[in-house]
Amino acid sequence: MDGGHAWAVLVGGVLWWERRCAVRGEPEKLLSRAMDRGREKHLVLRWVLNGVVIATALHLLRWISPRWDVYQLARWTAR
């Protein structure tokens, strides 16, 4: 499997889950609602979750220098 296939699986899984929740009438199980619940639990958790989303977006868009990219710093990926 390469990166393209992994993205297809990831996006397909998200779409499948969102559709499943809509068809079953379970909006409380949506991924966005899970993030909302996590952010409501504790102020620190709110900042951690927001940070993960922002860091991931900056990494994927390549809008951040490798010097500050948390994925680069963790050595999980290489540019």
Protein backbone atom coordinates (compact mmCIF):
# COMPACT_ATOMS: atom_id res chain seq x y z
CA MET A 1 0.00 0.00 0.00
CA ASP A 2 1.28 3.47 -0.79
CA GLY A 3 0.27 6.93 0.46
CA GLY A 4 -2.46 7.30 -2.15
CA HIS A 5 -4.08 4.04 -1.15
CA ALA A 6 -3.81 4.95 2.54
CA TRP A 7 -5.58 8.27 1.85
CA ALA A 8 -8.31 6.47 -0.08
CA VAL A 9 -8.87 4.09 2.85
CA LEU A 10 -8.86 6.94 5.37
CA VAL A 11 -11.27 9.16 3.42
CA GLY A 12 -13.46 6.17 2.53
CA GLY A 13 -13.63 5.18 6.18
CA VAL A 14 -14.63 8.67 7.27
CA LEU A 15 -17.29 8.91 4.56
CA TRP A 16 -18.62 5.45 5.43
CA TRP A 17 -18.82 6.33 9.15
CA GLU A 18 -20.53 9.67 8.57
CA ARG A 19 -23.08 8.06 6.22
CA ARG A 20 -23.66 5.19 8.67
CA CYS A 21 -24.41 7.67 11.48
CA ALA A 22 -26.79 9.63 9.24
CA VAL A 23 -28.69 6.54 8.06
CA ARG A 24 -29.03 5.16 11.57
CA GLY A 25 -30.08 8.51 12.99
CA GLU A 26 -27.12 8.63 15.37
CA PRO A 27 -25.70 12.14 14.98
CA GLU A 28 -24.09 11.92 18.42
CA LYS A 29 -21.65 9.38 16.96
CA LEU A 30 -20.33 11.71 14.24
CA LEU A 31 -16.58 12.32 14.35
CA SER A 32 -17.10 16.06 14.76
CA ARG A 33 -19.36 15.43 17.75
CA ALA A 34 -16.68 13.22 19.31
CA MET A 35 -14.19 16.08 18.96
CA ASP A 36 -16.75 18.44 20.53
CA ARG A 37 -17.19 16.10 23.50
CA GLY A 38 -13.44 15.79 23.93
CA ARG A 39 -12.94 19.55 23.87
CA GLU A 40 -15.75 20.07 26.39
CA LYS A 41 -14.20 17.72 28.96
CA HIS A 42 -11.21 19.82 29.96
CA LEU A 43 -9.50 23.04 28.92
CA VAL A 44 -6.14 21.31 28.46
CA LEU A 45 -7.69 18.57 26.32
CA ARG A 46 -9.35 21.27 24.21
CA TRP A 47 -5.97 22.84 23.45
CA VAL A 48 -4.34 19.46 22.77
CA LEU A 49 -7.06 18.41 20.31
CA ASN A 50 -7.06 21.79 18.59
CA GLY A 51 -3.26 21.63 18.38
CA VAL A 52 -3.33 18.18 16.79
CA VAL A 53 -5.82 19.33 14.14
CA ILE A 54 -3.85 22.50 13.39
CA ALA A 55 -0.48 20.74 13.35
CA THR A 56 -1.81 18.07 10.99
CA ALA A 57 -3.32 20.66 8.65
CA LEU A 58 -0.10 22.69 8.58
CA HIS A 59 1.89 19.53 7.86
CA LEU A 60 -0.39 18.29 5.07
CA LEU A 61 -0.59 21.72 3.44
CA ARG A 62 3.18 22.14 3.84
CA TRP A 63 2.58 25.60 5.28
CA ILE A 64 5.12 25.15 8.06
CA SER A 65 8.87 24.92 8.02
CA PRO A 66 10.29 21.42 8.65
CA ARG A 67 12.03 23.00 11.63
CA TRP A 68 8.63 23.56 13.32
CA ASP A 69 6.67 20.66 11.83
CA VAL A 70 5.80 18.37 14.76
CA TYR A 71 5.68 15.34 12.48
CA GLN A 72 9.20 16.12 11.30
CA LEU A 73 10.36 16.76 14.85
CA ALA A 74 8.95 13.41 15.96
CA ARG A 75 10.76 11.79 13.01
CA TRP A 76 7.53 10.15 11.85
CA THR A 77 7.97 11.43 8.33
CA ALA A 78 10.69 12.79 6.11
CA ARG A 79 10.30 15.49 3.50
